[in-house]
PDB file of N, CA and C in Angstrom:
ATOM      1  N   MET A   1     157.842 236.509 197.462  1.00  0.00           N
ATOM      2  CA  MET A   1     158.395 235.272 196.951  1.00  0.00           C
ATOM      3  C   MET A   1     157.303 234.503 196.214  1.00  0.00           C
ATOM      4  N   PHE A   2     157.677 233.891 195.124  1.00  0.00           N
ATOM      5  CA  PHE A   2     156.741 233.118 194.315  1.00  0.00           C
ATOM      6  C   PHE A   2     157.016 231.638 194.528  1.00  0.00           C
ATOM      7  N   ARG A   3     155.969 230.871 194.756  1.00  0.00           N
ATOM      8  CA  ARG A   3     156.107 229.426 194.942  1.00  0.00           C
ATOM      9  C   ARG A   3     155.442 228.699 193.788  1.00  0.00           C
ATOM     10  N   SER A   4     156.050 227.601 193.371  1.00  0.00           N
ATOM     11  CA  SER A   4     155.499 226.846 192.246  1.00  0.00           C
ATOM     12  C   SER A   4     154.123 226.280 192.579  1.00  0.00           C
ATOM     13  N   GLY A   5     153.846 226.047 193.840  1.00  0.00           N
ATOM     14  CA  GLY A   5     152.531 225.559 194.244  1.00  0.00           C
ATOM     15  C   GLY A   5     151.419 226.539 193.917  1.00  0.00           C
ATOM     16  N   ASN A   6     151.775 227.823 193.804  1.00  0.00           N
ATOM     17  CA  ASN A   6     150.782 228.838 193.456  1.00  0.00           C
ATOM     18  C   ASN A   6     150.317 228.710 192.013  1.00  0.00           C
ATOM     19  N   LEU A   7     151.092 228.046 191.177  1.00  0.00           N
ATOM     20  CA  LEU A   7     150.729 227.861 189.768  1.00  0.00           C
ATOM     21  C   LEU A   7     149.754 226.714 189.557  1.00  0.00           C
ATOM     22  N   LYS A   8     149.816 225.724 190.418  1.00  0.00           N
ATOM     23  CA  LYS A   8     149.025 224.514 190.207  1.00  0.00           C
ATOM     24  C   LYS A   8     147.538 224.816 190.178  1.00  0.00           C
ATOM     25  N   GLN A   9     146.872 224.117 189.291  1.00  0.00           N
ATOM     26  CA  GLN A   9     145.429 224.177 189.081  1.00  0.00           C
ATOM     27  C   GLN A   9     144.944 225.483 188.454  1.00  0.00           C
ATOM     28  N   ARG A  10     145.845 226.296 187.948  1.00  0.00           N
ATOM     29  CA  ARG A  10     145.410 227.458 187.162  1.00  0.00           C
ATOM     30  C   ARG A  10     145.025 226.989 185.773  1.00  0.00           C
ATOM     31  N   ILE A  11     144.002 227.570 185.223  1.00  0.00           N
ATOM     32  CA  ILE A  11     143.527 227.205 183.900  1.00  0.00           C
ATOM     33  C   ILE A  11     144.427 227.862 182.855  1.00  0.00           C
ATOM     34  N   VAL A  12     144.858 227.092 181.869  1.00  0.00           N
ATOM     35  CA  VAL A  12     145.716 227.596 180.798  1.00  0.00           C
ATOM     36  C   VAL A  12     144.860 227.785 179.553  1.00  0.00           C
ATOM     37  N   ILE A  13     144.914 229.003 178.993  1.00  0.00           N
ATOM     38  CA  ILE A  13     144.114 229.353 177.823  1.00  0.00           C
ATOM     39  C   ILE A  13     145.035 229.883 176.728  1.00  0.00           C
ATOM     40  N   ASP A  14     144.828 229.387 175.512  1.00  0.00           N
ATOM     41  CA  ASP A  14     145.569 229.862 174.336  1.00  0.00           C
ATOM     42  C   ASP A  14     144.887 231.148 173.857  1.00  0.00           C
ATOM     43  N   ILE A  15     145.623 232.257 173.819  1.00  0.00           N
ATOM     44  CA  ILE A  15     144.997 233.535 173.448  1.00  0.00           C
ATOM     45  C   ILE A  15     144.688 233.620 171.957  1.00  0.00           C
ATOM     46  N   ALA A  16     145.356 232.821 171.132  1.00  0.00           N
ATOM     47  CA  ALA A  16     145.096 232.868 169.694  1.00  0.00           C
ATOM     48  C   ALA A  16     143.770 232.210 169.335  1.00  0.00           C
ATOM     49  N   THR A  17     143.427 231.129 170.046  1.00  0.00           N
ATOM     50  CA  THR A  17     142.223 230.372 169.709  1.00  0.00           C
ATOM     51  C   THR A  17     141.149 230.441 170.794  1.00  0.00           C
ATOM     52  N   ALA A  18     141.481 231.023 171.941  1.00  0.00           N
ATOM     53  CA  ALA A  18     140.601 231.058 173.118  1.00  0.00           C
ATOM     54  C   ALA A  18     140.264 229.654 173.607  1.00  0.00           C
ATOM     55  N   GLU A  19     141.134 228.694 173.291  1.00  0.00           N
ATOM     56  CA  GLU A  19     140.943 227.305 173.697  1.00  0.00           C
ATOM     57  C   GLU A  19     141.413 227.110 175.126  1.00  0.00           C
ATOM     58  N   ARG A  20     140.595 226.434 175.903  1.00  0.00           N
ATOM     59  CA  ARG A  20     140.969 226.052 177.253  1.00  0.00           C
ATOM     60  C   ARG A  20     141.833 224.805 177.129  1.00  0.00           C
ATOM     61  N   MET A  21     143.123 224.929 177.402  1.00  0.00           N
ATOM     62  CA  MET A  21     144.075 223.862 177.137  1.00  0.00           C
ATOM     63  C   MET A  21     144.178 222.844 178.264  1.00  0.00           C
ATOM     64  N   GLY A  22     143.914 223.243 179.481  1.00  0.00           N
ATOM     65  CA  GLY A  22     144.025 222.342 180.618  1.00  0.00           C
ATOM     66  C   GLY A  22     144.431 223.101 181.864  1.00  0.00           C
ATOM     67  N   TYR A  23     144.955 222.367 182.827  1.00  0.00           N
ATOM     68  CA  TYR A  23     145.357 222.929 184.109  1.00  0.00           C
ATOM     69  C   TYR A  23     146.849 222.728 184.325  1.00  0.00           C
ATOM     70  N   VAL A  24     147.490 223.680 185.005  1.00  0.00           N
ATOM     71  CA  VAL A  24     148.905 223.553 185.346  1.00  0.00           C
ATOM     72  C   VAL A  24     149.037 222.472 186.414  1.00  0.00           C
ATOM     73  N   THR A  25     149.905 221.499 186.145  1.00  0.00           N
ATOM     74  CA  THR A  25     150.129 220.433 187.115  1.00  0.00           C
ATOM     75  C   THR A  25     151.548 220.447 187.676  1.00  0.00           C
ATOM     76  N   ASP A  26     152.490 221.028 186.932  1.00  0.00           N
ATOM     77  CA  ASP A  26     153.878 221.006 187.382  1.00  0.00           C
ATOM     78  C   ASP A  26     154.684 222.033 186.596  1.00  0.00           C
ATOM     79  N   VAL A  27     155.931 222.228 186.992  1.00  0.00           N
ATOM     80  CA  VAL A  27     156.854 223.101 186.268  1.00  0.00           C
ATOM     81  C   VAL A  27     158.154 222.345 186.029  1.00  0.00           C
ATOM     82  N   GLU A  28     158.856 222.691 184.942  1.00  0.00           N
ATOM     83  CA  GLU A  28     160.182 222.152 184.665  1.00  0.00           C
ATOM     84  C   GLU A  28     161.196 223.241 184.963  1.00  0.00           C
ATOM     85  N   ILE A  29     162.181 222.915 185.774  1.00  0.00           N
ATOM     86  CA  ILE A  29     163.187 223.888 186.191  1.00  0.00           C
ATOM     87  C   ILE A  29     164.555 223.446 185.690  1.00  0.00           C
ATOM     88  N   ASN A  30     165.311 224.393 185.130  1.00  0.00           N
ATOM     89  CA  ASN A  30     166.674 224.127 184.688  1.00  0.00           C
ATOM     90  C   ASN A  30     167.542 223.935 185.926  1.00  0.00           C
ATOM     91  N   GLU A  31     168.199 222.791 186.011  1.00  0.00           N
ATOM     92  CA  GLU A  31     169.001 222.470 187.196  1.00  0.00           C
ATOM     93  C   GLU A  31     170.198 223.389 187.382  1.00  0.00           C
ATOM     94  N   ILE A  32     170.738 223.886 186.293  1.00  0.00           N
ATOM     95  CA  ILE A  32     171.939 224.719 186.372  1.00  0.00           C
ATOM     96  C   ILE A  32     171.595 226.161 186.712  1.00  0.00           C
ATOM     97  N   SER A  33     170.658 226.749 185.957  1.00  0.00           N
ATOM     98  CA  SER A  33     170.339 228.164 186.154  1.00  0.00           C
ATOM     99  C   SER A  33     169.283 228.389 187.229  1.00  0.00           C
ATOM    100  N   GLY A  34     168.471 227.368 187.511  1.00  0.00           N
ATOM    101  CA  GLY A  34     167.398 227.521 188.484  1.00  0.00           C
ATOM    102  C   GLY A  34     166.171 228.224 187.924  1.00  0.00           C
ATOM    103  N   ARG A  35     166.155 228.482 186.628  1.00  0.00           N
ATOM    104  CA  ARG A  35     165.021 229.160 185.983  1.00  0.00           C
ATOM    105  C   ARG A  35     163.958 228.159 185.563  1.00  0.00           C
ATOM    106  N   ILE A  36     162.712 228.641 185.540  1.00  0.00           N
ATOM    107  CA  ILE A  36     161.622 227.808 185.062  1.00  0.00           C
ATOM    108  C   ILE A  36     161.710 227.742 183.542  1.00  0.00           C
ATOM    109  N   GLU A  37     161.768 226.533 182.996  1.00  0.00           N
ATOM    110  CA  GLU A  37     161.853 226.322 181.553  1.00  0.00           C
ATOM    111  C   GLU A  37     160.470 226.229 180.925  1.00  0.00           C
ATOM    112  N   SER A  38     159.552 225.543 181.597  1.00  0.00           N
ATOM    113  CA  SER A  38     158.216 225.360 181.038  1.00  0.00           C
ATOM    114  C   SER A  38     157.229 224.978 182.133  1.00  0.00           C
ATOM    115  N   ILE A  39     155.950 225.103 181.781  1.00  0.00           N
ATOM    116  CA  ILE A  39     154.905 224.610 182.668  1.00  0.00           C
ATOM    117  C   ILE A  39     154.330 223.345 182.035  1.00  0.00           C
ATOM    118  N   ILE A  40     153.915 222.434 182.874  1.00  0.00           N
ATOM    119  CA  ILE A  40     153.311 221.191 182.413  1.00  0.00           C
ATOM    120  C   ILE A  40     151.814 221.302 182.670  1.00  0.00           C
ATOM    121  N   ILE A  41     151.036 221.049 181.627  1.00  0.00           N
ATOM    122  CA  ILE A  41     149.594 221.083 181.796  1.00  0.00           C
ATOM    123  C   ILE A  41     149.035 219.693 181.524  1.00  0.00           C
ATOM    124  N   ASN A  42     147.912 219.424 182.152  1.00  0.00           N
ATOM    125  CA  ASN A  42     147.237 218.155 181.990  1.00  0.00           C
ATOM    126  C   ASN A  42     145.864 218.431 181.423  1.00  0.00           C
ATOM    127  N   LYS A  43     145.610 217.924 180.244  1.00  0.00           N
ATOM    128  CA  LYS A  43     144.343 218.175 179.571  1.00  0.00           C
ATOM    129  C   LYS A  43     143.171 217.519 180.296  1.00  0.00           C
ATOM    130  N   HIS A  44     143.419 216.384 180.937  1.00  0.00           N
ATOM    131  CA  HIS A  44     142.368 215.659 181.651  1.00  0.00           C
ATOM    132  C   HIS A  44     142.586 215.841 183.146  1.00  0.00           C
ATOM    133  N   SER A  45     141.537 216.215 183.850  1.00  0.00           N
ATOM    134  CA  SER A  45     141.663 216.324 185.297  1.00  0.00           C
ATOM    135  C   SER A  45     141.279 214.993 185.917  1.00  0.00           C
ATOM    136  N   GLY A  46     141.830 214.714 187.043  1.00  0.00           N
ATOM    137  CA  GLY A  46     141.526 213.473 187.737  1.00  0.00           C
ATOM    138  C   GLY A  46     142.777 212.830 188.295  1.00  0.00           C
ATOM    139  N   PHE A  47     142.567 211.965 189.245  1.00  0.00           N
ATOM    140  CA  PHE A  47     143.682 211.346 189.945  1.00  0.00           C
ATOM    141  C   PHE A  47     144.517 210.449 189.031  1.00  0.00           C
ATOM    142  N   LEU A  48     143.863 209.557 188.290  1.00  0.00           N
ATOM    143  CA  LEU A  48     144.604 208.606 187.466  1.00  0.00           C
ATOM    144  C   LEU A  48     145.368 209.284 186.335  1.00  0.00           C
ATOM    145  N   SER A  49     144.768 210.301 185.726  1.00  0.00           N
ATOM    146  CA  SER A  49     145.465 210.977 184.627  1.00  0.00           C
ATOM    147  C   SER A  49     146.689 211.729 185.128  1.00  0.00           C
ATOM    148  N   SER A  50     146.616 212.327 186.308  1.00  0.00           N
ATOM    149  CA  SER A  50     147.786 213.022 186.845  1.00  0.00           C
ATOM    150  C   SER A  50     148.836 212.037 187.346  1.00  0.00           C
ATOM    151  N   LEU A  51     148.397 210.884 187.850  1.00  0.00           N
ATOM    152  CA  LEU A  51     149.323 209.882 188.357  1.00  0.00           C
ATOM    153  C   LEU A  51     150.145 209.255 187.228  1.00  0.00           C
ATOM    154  N   PHE A  52     149.499 208.956 186.104  1.00  0.00           N
ATOM    155  CA  PHE A  52     150.176 208.282 185.003  1.00  0.00           C
ATOM    156  C   PHE A  52     150.606 209.219 183.877  1.00  0.00           C
ATOM    157  N   GLY A  53     150.302 210.505 183.983  1.00  0.00           N
ATOM    158  CA  GLY A  53     150.765 211.474 182.989  1.00  0.00           C
ATOM    159  C   GLY A  53     150.007 211.450 181.687  1.00  0.00           C
ATOM    160  N   PHE A  54     148.744 211.034 181.681  1.00  0.00           N
ATOM    161  CA  PHE A  54     147.956 211.027 180.449  1.00  0.00           C
ATOM    162  C   PHE A  54     147.654 212.450 180.020  1.00  0.00           C
ATOM    163  N   GLY A  55     147.854 212.738 178.754  1.00  0.00           N
ATOM    164  CA  GLY A  55     147.476 214.028 178.211  1.00  0.00           C
ATOM    165  C   GLY A  55     148.327 215.192 178.667  1.00  0.00           C
ATOM    166  N   GLU A  56     149.560 214.924 179.104  1.00  0.00           N
ATOM    167  CA  GLU A  56     150.433 216.022 179.531  1.00  0.00           C
ATOM    168  C   GLU A  56     150.999 216.749 178.328  1.00  0.00           C
ATOM    169  N   ARG A  57     151.194 218.040 178.518  1.00  0.00           N
ATOM    170  CA  ARG A  57     151.792 218.876 177.468  1.00  0.00           C
ATOM    171  C   ARG A  57     152.703 219.894 178.128  1.00  0.00           C
ATOM    172  N   SER A  58     153.840 220.141 177.528  1.00  0.00           N
ATOM    173  CA  SER A  58     154.799 221.108 178.046  1.00  0.00           C
ATOM    174  C   SER A  58     154.656 222.421 177.274  1.00  0.00           C
ATOM    175  N   ILE A  59     154.499 223.515 177.993  1.00  0.00           N
ATOM    176  CA  ILE A  59     154.392 224.843 177.388  1.00  0.00           C
ATOM    177  C   ILE A  59     155.628 225.644 177.801  1.00  0.00           C
ATOM    178  N   PRO A  60     156.444 226.106 176.839  1.00  0.00           N
ATOM    179  CA  PRO A  60     157.634 226.885 177.190  1.00  0.00           C
ATOM    180  C   PRO A  60     157.280 228.159 177.972  1.00  0.00           C
ATOM    181  N   TRP A  61     158.120 228.501 178.916  1.00  0.00           N
ATOM    182  CA  TRP A  61     157.905 229.673 179.758  1.00  0.00           C
ATOM    183  C   TRP A  61     157.788 230.945 178.918  1.00  0.00           C
ATOM    184  N   GLU A  62     158.501 231.007 177.797  1.00  0.00           N
ATOM    185  CA  GLU A  62     158.466 232.178 176.929  1.00  0.00           C
ATOM    186  C   GLU A  62     157.105 232.362 176.266  1.00  0.00           C
ATOM    187  N   SER A  63     156.291 231.320 176.233  1.00  0.00           N
ATOM    188  CA  SER A  63     154.966 231.393 175.603  1.00  0.00           C
ATOM    189  C   SER A  63     153.921 232.031 176.507  1.00  0.00           C
ATOM    190  N   ILE A  64     154.246 232.210 177.777  1.00  0.00           N
ATOM    191  CA  ILE A  64     153.295 232.801 178.713  1.00  0.00           C
ATOM    192  C   ILE A  64     153.210 234.300 178.459  1.00  0.00           C
ATOM    193  N   VAL A  65     151.985 234.776 178.235  1.00  0.00           N
ATOM    194  CA  VAL A  65     151.752 236.188 177.970  1.00  0.00           C
ATOM    195  C   VAL A  65     151.323 236.894 179.253  1.00  0.00           C
ATOM    196  N   VAL A  66     150.337 236.322 179.941  1.00  0.00           N
ATOM    197  CA  VAL A  66     149.816 236.904 181.176  1.00  0.00           C
ATOM    198  C   VAL A  66     149.547 235.788 182.169  1.00  0.00           C
ATOM    199  N   MET A  67     149.886 236.058 183.431  1.00  0.00           N
ATOM    200  CA  MET A  67     149.602 235.097 184.481  1.00  0.00           C
ATOM    201  C   MET A  67     148.749 235.788 185.542  1.00  0.00           C
ATOM    202  N   GLY A  68     147.522 235.345 185.653  1.00  0.00           N
ATOM    203  CA  GLY A  68     146.613 235.902 186.642  1.00  0.00           C
ATOM    204  C   GLY A  68     146.459 234.964 187.817  1.00  0.00           C
ATOM    205  N   ARG A  69     145.531 235.290 188.712  1.00  0.00           N
ATOM    206  CA  ARG A  69     145.311 234.455 189.896  1.00  0.00           C
ATOM    207  C   ARG A  69     144.659 233.119 189.561  1.00  0.00           C
ATOM    208  N   GLU A  70     143.819 233.095 188.536  1.00  0.00           N
ATOM    209  CA  GLU A  70     143.110 231.870 188.182  1.00  0.00           C
ATOM    210  C   GLU A  70     143.469 231.346 186.799  1.00  0.00           C
ATOM    211  N   PHE A  71     144.031 232.199 185.949  1.00  0.00           N
ATOM    212  CA  PHE A  71     144.297 231.840 184.566  1.00  0.00           C
ATOM    213  C   PHE A  71     145.742 232.102 184.189  1.00  0.00           C
ATOM    214  N   VAL A  72     146.221 231.334 183.209  1.00  0.00           N
ATOM    215  CA  VAL A  72     147.505 231.585 182.566  1.00  0.00           C
ATOM    216  C   VAL A  72     147.197 231.683 181.074  1.00  0.00           C
ATOM    217  N   LEU A  73     147.466 232.835 180.482  1.00  0.00           N
ATOM    218  CA  LEU A  73     147.236 233.028 179.059  1.00  0.00           C
ATOM    219  C   LEU A  73     148.538 232.795 178.318  1.00  0.00           C
ATOM    220  N   VAL A  74     148.482 231.906 177.318  1.00  0.00           N
ATOM    221  CA  VAL A  74     149.683 231.555 176.569  1.00  0.00           C
ATOM    222  C   VAL A  74     149.453 231.762 175.080  1.00  0.00           C
ATOM    223  N   LYS A  75     150.537 231.981 174.387  1.00  0.00           N
ATOM    224  CA  LYS A  75     150.508 232.094 172.928  1.00  0.00           C
ATOM    225  C   LYS A  75     151.281 230.902 172.394  1.00  0.00           C
ATOM    226  N   THR A  76     150.546 229.949 171.819  1.00  0.00           N
ATOM    227  CA  THR A  76     151.196 228.740 171.312  1.00  0.00           C
ATOM    228  C   THR A  76     151.463 228.878 169.824  1.00  0.00           C
ATOM    229  N   PHE A  77     152.344 228.053 169.337  1.00  0.00           N
ATOM    230  CA  PHE A  77     152.702 228.055 167.933  1.00  0.00           C
ATOM    231  C   PHE A  77     152.512 226.645 167.408  1.00  0.00           C
ATOM    232  N   ASP A  78     151.581 226.480 166.483  1.00  0.00           N
ATOM    233  CA  ASP A  78     151.327 225.184 165.876  1.00  0.00           C
ATOM    234  C   ASP A  78     152.132 225.105 164.587  1.00  0.00           C
ATOM    235  N   PHE A  79     153.231 224.382 164.604  1.00  0.00           N
ATOM    236  CA  PHE A  79     154.146 224.304 163.467  1.00  0.00           C
ATOM    237  C   PHE A  79     153.459 223.745 162.222  1.00  0.00           C
ATOM    238  N   ASN A  80     152.662 222.692 162.383  1.00  0.00           N
ATOM    239  CA  ASN A  80     152.000 222.066 161.233  1.00  0.00           C
ATOM    240  C   ASN A  80     151.026 223.025 160.564  1.00  0.00           C
ATOM    241  N   GLU A  81     150.259 223.758 161.358  1.00  0.00           N
ATOM    242  CA  GLU A  81     149.283 224.693 160.803  1.00  0.00           C
ATOM    243  C   GLU A  81     149.990 225.820 160.061  1.00  0.00           C
ATOM    244  N   LYS A  82     151.091 226.318 160.604  1.00  0.00           N
ATOM    245  CA  LYS A  82     151.852 227.396 159.983  1.00  0.00           C
ATOM    246  C   LYS A  82     152.422 226.938 158.641  1.00  0.00           C
ATOM    247  N   CYS A  83     152.918 225.719 158.569  1.00  0.00           N
ATOM    248  CA  CYS A  83     153.494 225.202 157.322  1.00  0.00           C
ATOM    249  C   CYS A  83     152.429 225.006 156.256  1.00  0.00           C
ATOM    250  N   LEU A  84     151.240 224.598 156.662  1.00  0.00           N
ATOM    251  CA  LEU A  84     150.165 224.384 155.685  1.00  0.00           C
ATOM    252  C   LEU A  84     149.702 225.671 155.043  1.00  0.00           C
ATOM    253  N   LYS A  85     149.775 226.781 155.776  1.00  0.00           N
ATOM    254  CA  LYS A  85     149.321 228.061 155.247  1.00  0.00           C
ATOM    255  C   LYS A  85     150.291 228.632 154.222  1.00  0.00           C
ATOM    256  N   ASN A  86     151.581 228.285 154.335  1.00  0.00           N
ATOM    257  CA  ASN A  86     152.607 228.841 153.420  1.00  0.00           C
ATOM    258  C   ASN A  86     152.711 228.065 152.151  1.00  0.00           C
TER     259      ASN A  86
END
């Protein structure tokens, strides 16, 4: 069985840029299907930032490429950067 608590505090890394994006702080679950929709990461660690939601970012579950014991590797899509290249 997998528990959402096992995800917390894993480091999230973008595989395209090798950027350390932050830490997993929470998950969003679809109330109807019960599936995980996305993970919530917090760019800033600390009590106040997690309490007030500073620097939170939602990463869709489909963007997760690999989930290890300490790391979550994701493939993000930057819409603005993609449009500038075309």
